[in-house]
Amino acid sequence: MNKKLKPIPGFKSEAEEREFWQTHDSTEYIDWSKAKRGVSFPNLKLTTKPITIRLPAGLIDRVKIKAHKMDVPYQSLIKQFIFEGIAK
């Protein structure tokens, strides 16, 4: 099939791009038959979203002490604990 593909428009933000792809068929813009498997994106950063969570001060102090002993930021340690908790 030799279908003429539409050009992919420029996007001002990731949100604008996300909205576009949620409402358009990618096969009109990309020939997926030529796609390569196994491509890696080593510099891709995960999208993060800040949240607020109330924790007892004593618990935060304990996490900070443990993080200090492990030489990691305490918020990174909390993320690790959450990830490990939901992975079980």
Protein backbone atom coordinates (compact mmCIF):
# COMPACT_ATOMS: atom_id res chain seq x y z
CA MET A 1 0.00 0.00 0.00
CA ASN A 2 1.51 3.30 -1.10
CA LYS A 3 -0.69 5.78 0.74
CA LYS A 4 0.30 9.46 0.85
CA LEU A 5 0.93 10.41 4.47
CA LYS A 6 -0.12 13.69 6.03
CA PRO A 7 2.66 15.85 7.54
CA ILE A 8 2.84 15.80 11.35
CA PRO A 9 2.09 19.30 12.64
CA GLY A 10 4.33 21.17 15.06
CA PHE A 11 3.24 21.27 18.68
CA LYS A 12 3.73 24.02 21.27
CA SER A 13 3.59 21.66 24.22
CA GLU A 14 3.46 18.00 25.20
CA ALA A 15 -0.18 18.51 26.24
CA GLU A 16 -1.05 19.84 22.78
CA GLU A 17 0.67 16.87 21.15
CA ARG A 18 -1.10 14.42 23.48
CA GLU A 19 -4.49 15.97 22.62
CA PHE A 20 -3.71 15.72 18.90
CA TRP A 21 -2.80 12.02 18.99
CA GLN A 22 -5.84 11.20 21.13
CA THR A 23 -8.09 12.60 18.41
CA HIS A 24 -6.24 11.55 15.22
CA ASP A 25 -5.33 8.22 13.62
CA SER A 26 -1.54 7.87 13.57
CA THR A 27 -1.66 5.64 10.47
CA GLU A 28 -2.59 8.73 8.46
CA TYR A 29 0.73 10.32 9.49
CA ILE A 30 3.17 7.42 10.01
CA ASP A 31 3.95 4.31 7.96
CA TRP A 32 4.14 1.79 10.80
CA SER A 33 5.28 -0.98 8.41
CA LYS A 34 8.70 0.76 8.32
CA ALA A 35 8.96 1.11 12.10
CA LYS A 36 11.97 -0.47 13.80
CA ARG A 37 11.73 -2.46 17.01
CA GLY A 38 14.20 -2.17 19.86
CA VAL A 39 14.81 1.57 19.65
CA SER A 40 15.84 3.03 23.01
CA PHE A 41 15.55 6.56 24.32
CA PRO A 42 18.31 6.87 26.94
CA ASN A 43 17.69 10.57 27.68
CA LEU A 44 13.91 10.30 27.98
CA LYS A 45 12.70 11.75 31.26
CA LEU A 46 9.59 10.41 32.94
CA THR A 47 6.77 12.88 33.31
CA THR A 48 6.31 13.65 36.98
CA LYS A 49 3.41 15.25 38.79
CA PRO A 50 3.82 16.89 42.18
CA ILE A 51 1.44 15.73 44.91
CA THR A 52 0.81 16.69 48.51
CA ILE A 53 0.66 14.00 51.14
CA ARG A 54 0.40 14.49 54.88
CA LEU A 55 2.64 12.21 56.92
CA PRO A 56 3.43 12.21 60.63
CA ALA A 57 6.55 14.26 61.39
CA GLY A 58 8.15 11.28 63.14
CA LEU A 59 7.73 9.12 60.05
CA ILE A 60 9.32 11.76 57.83
CA ASP A 61 12.23 12.05 60.28
CA ARG A 62 12.75 8.27 60.19
CA VAL A 63 12.73 8.27 56.38
CA LYS A 64 15.21 11.16 56.31
CA ILE A 65 17.56 9.30 58.67
CA LYS A 66 17.36 6.12 56.59
CA ALA A 67 17.89 8.11 53.37
CA HIS A 68 20.90 9.86 54.88
CA LYS A 69 22.44 6.50 55.83
CA MET A 70 21.87 5.29 52.26
CA ASP A 71 23.18 8.59 50.83
CA VAL A 72 20.04 9.19 48.73
CA PRO A 73 17.52 12.06 48.76
CA TYR A 74 14.66 11.25 51.12
CA GLN A 75 11.98 11.98 48.52
CA SER A 76 13.64 9.51 46.14
CA LEU A 77 13.58 6.93 48.92
CA ILE A 78 9.87 7.56 49.49
CA LYS A 79 9.24 7.05 45.74
CA GLN A 80 11.20 3.80 45.92
CA PHE A 81 9.14 2.61 48.90
CA ILE A 82 5.89 3.39 47.06
CA PHE A 83 7.08 1.64 43.90
CA GLU A 84 8.16 -1.46 45.82
CA GLY A 85 4.89 -1.45 47.77
CA ILE A 86 2.69 -1.51 44.69
CA ALA A 87 4.93 -3.97 42.82
CA LYS A 88 4.15 -6.73 45.34
